[in-house]
Amino acid sequence: MIKPLLLTVWVALLSLSANFAVAYWKEHRAQTADKAPEALEQRKTRIINVPILSDGRVQGYVVAQFAYTGQAAALKSATVAPDGIILDEAFRLLYADEKTDFRKLQRADLSKIVETLKARVLERTPPELVKEILVQEFNYVAKDDIRR
């Protein structure tokens, strides 16, 4: 008679401890999930060619490709990808920039271009869509260097 009673107590203790362990694990897993860093995703834009005008004539072309990082969840749920906005602002920025001499581009000029581009893009998109803008490719091709 004592063996079935001890077996019942043993099974009850095992069941209670298993329940407690699962509840404890779920609670702590939920807390660590809240503290987990946001998942970022990097995407590339297509390559753009921007004509550079001087004295009313085309002097050359800037060939540029950008990449951007944003929250993965926001990028997947966005109705419009920020690629178009980034390319539009990049084209406007490079086309209208008369101060920068692209034939003699300096590192500071490129940093200024990226900072200005990011500020303009963030005016038109939510900040979770575009966290950072990176330069993948940036070249100047003079009109004389283009093969016909």
Protein backbone atom coordinates (compact mmCIF):
# COMPACT_ATOMS: atom_id res chain seq x y z
CA MET A 1 0.00 0.00 0.00
CA ILE A 2 2.88 2.36 0.66
CA LYS A 3 4.49 1.83 -2.76
CA PRO A 4 1.50 3.13 -4.78
CA LEU A 5 1.22 6.14 -2.43
CA LEU A 6 4.93 6.99 -2.85
CA LEU A 7 4.63 6.51 -6.59
CA THR A 8 1.66 8.93 -6.67
CA VAL A 9 3.58 11.55 -4.68
CA TRP A 10 6.62 11.07 -6.95
CA VAL A 11 4.55 11.57 -10.15
CA ALA A 12 2.82 14.62 -8.65
CA LEU A 13 6.19 16.22 -7.74
CA LEU A 14 7.55 15.53 -11.22
CA SER A 15 4.46 17.05 -12.86
CA LEU A 16 4.57 20.15 -10.66
CA SER A 17 8.28 20.71 -11.20
CA ALA A 18 7.90 20.26 -14.98
CA ASN A 19 5.06 22.82 -15.02
CA PHE A 20 7.11 25.24 -12.96
CA ALA A 21 10.15 24.81 -15.23
CA VAL A 22 8.12 25.45 -18.39
CA ALA A 23 6.45 28.54 -16.93
CA TYR A 24 9.82 29.88 -15.75
CA TRP A 25 11.40 29.25 -19.16
CA LYS A 26 8.55 30.97 -21.05
CA GLU A 27 8.67 34.04 -18.80
CA HIS A 28 12.41 34.50 -19.14
CA ARG A 29 12.36 33.82 -22.87
CA ALA A 30 9.78 36.58 -23.35
CA GLN A 31 11.94 39.02 -21.39
CA THR A 32 15.04 38.29 -23.47
CA ALA A 33 13.03 38.59 -26.68
CA ASP A 34 12.03 42.12 -25.66
CA LYS A 35 15.67 43.03 -25.07
CA ALA A 36 16.89 41.53 -28.35
CA PRO A 37 18.32 44.08 -30.79
CA GLU A 38 16.24 44.96 -33.81
CA ALA A 39 17.02 43.00 -36.93
CA LEU A 40 18.52 45.17 -39.65
CA GLU A 41 18.45 44.40 -43.32
CA GLN A 42 20.69 45.83 -46.02
CA ARG A 43 19.49 46.42 -49.56
CA LYS A 44 21.11 47.87 -52.66
CA THR A 45 19.66 50.38 -55.08
CA ARG A 46 20.15 50.11 -58.80
CA ILE A 47 22.99 52.02 -60.48
CA ILE A 48 22.19 55.56 -61.62
CA ASN A 49 23.94 57.76 -64.17
CA VAL A 50 23.74 61.47 -63.46
CA PRO A 51 24.83 63.92 -66.16
CA ILE A 52 27.08 66.73 -64.93
CA LEU A 53 26.48 70.01 -66.74
CA SER A 54 28.87 72.91 -67.00
CA ASP A 55 28.52 75.90 -69.30
CA GLY A 56 25.32 74.40 -70.69
CA ARG A 57 27.00 71.21 -71.92
CA VAL A 58 27.40 67.72 -70.55
CA GLN A 59 30.93 67.39 -69.13
CA GLY A 60 30.60 63.83 -67.87
CA TYR A 61 28.52 61.44 -65.80
CA VAL A 62 28.50 60.37 -62.19
CA VAL A 63 27.82 56.64 -61.90
CA ALA A 64 26.59 55.80 -58.42
CA GLN A 65 25.06 52.93 -56.51
CA PHE A 66 23.92 53.15 -52.92
CA ALA A 67 22.96 50.67 -50.21
CA TYR A 68 20.81 51.32 -47.19
CA THR A 69 19.99 49.58 -43.95
CA GLY A 70 16.64 49.55 -42.22
CA GLN A 71 14.59 47.53 -39.80
CA ALA A 72 13.77 44.22 -41.47
CA ALA A 73 10.17 44.18 -40.24
CA ALA A 74 9.53 47.74 -41.43
CA LEU A 75 11.07 47.07 -44.85
CA LYS A 76 8.93 43.95 -45.35
CA SER A 77 5.72 45.70 -44.32
CA ALA A 78 6.38 48.93 -46.24
CA THR A 79 4.00 49.56 -49.12
CA VAL A 80 6.66 51.48 -51.04
CA ALA A 81 10.34 50.55 -50.94
CA PRO A 82 12.66 53.46 -50.16
CA ASP A 83 14.82 52.69 -53.23
CA GLY A 84 12.93 55.13 -55.43
CA ILE A 85 13.15 57.93 -52.89
CA ILE A 86 16.88 57.36 -52.36
CA LEU A 87 17.56 57.37 -56.10
CA ASP A 88 15.38 60.44 -56.65
CA GLU A 89 17.12 62.42 -53.92
CA ALA A 90 20.56 61.25 -55.07
CA PHE A 91 19.85 62.33 -58.64
CA ARG A 92 18.53 65.71 -57.52
CA LEU A 93 21.48 66.23 -55.20
CA LEU A 94 24.16 65.31 -57.74
CA TYR A 95 22.49 67.01 -60.71
CA ALA A 96 21.94 70.32 -58.92
CA ASP A 97 25.31 70.42 -57.11
CA GLU A 98 27.39 73.09 -58.84
CA LYS A 99 29.92 73.49 -56.02
CA THR A 100 31.44 70.02 -56.18
CA ASP A 101 34.00 69.39 -58.90
CA PHE A 102 33.47 65.71 -59.66
CA ARG A 103 36.70 65.58 -61.67
CA LYS A 104 38.61 66.29 -58.44
CA LEU A 105 36.39 64.62 -55.85
CA GLN A 106 37.67 64.68 -52.26
CA ARG A 107 36.78 62.35 -49.39
CA ALA A 108 35.07 65.16 -47.52
CA ASP A 109 32.84 65.80 -50.55
CA LEU A 110 31.62 62.22 -50.55
CA SER A 111 30.87 62.32 -46.80
CA LYS A 112 28.95 65.57 -47.26
CA ILE A 113 26.97 64.06 -50.14
CA VAL A 114 26.00 60.99 -48.07
CA GLU A 115 25.00 63.09 -45.04
CA THR A 116 22.88 65.42 -47.16
CA LEU A 117 21.31 62.48 -48.98
CA LYS A 118 20.39 60.76 -45.72
CA ALA A 119 18.86 63.94 -44.30
CA ARG A 120 16.75 64.45 -47.43
CA VAL A 121 15.61 60.83 -47.54
CA LEU A 122 14.60 60.87 -43.86
CA GLU A 123 12.39 63.89 -44.56
CA ARG A 124 10.37 61.73 -46.96
CA THR A 125 10.46 58.28 -45.27
CA PRO A 126 9.91 56.95 -41.76
CA PRO A 127 13.21 56.64 -39.84
CA GLU A 128 12.84 52.87 -39.33
CA LEU A 129 12.95 52.31 -43.11
CA VAL A 130 16.34 53.98 -43.62
CA LYS A 131 18.81 53.85 -40.76
CA GLU A 132 21.99 54.35 -42.78
CA ILE A 133 22.93 55.07 -46.38
CA LEU A 134 26.14 53.57 -47.73
CA VAL A 135 28.02 54.16 -50.96
CA GLN A 136 28.55 51.00 -52.99
CA GLU A 137 29.93 52.62 -56.13
CA PHE A 138 30.75 56.21 -57.01
CA ASN A 139 32.62 57.10 -60.20
CA TYR A 140 32.97 60.08 -62.47
CA VAL A 141 33.30 59.38 -66.18
CA ALA A 142 34.31 62.30 -68.38
CA LYS A 143 32.43 62.74 -71.61
CA ASP A 144 35.67 62.29 -73.58
CA ASP A 145 36.32 58.90 -71.92
CA ILE A 146 33.05 57.37 -73.07
CA ARG A 147 33.34 55.02 -76.07
CA ARG A 148 31.08 55.71 -78.95
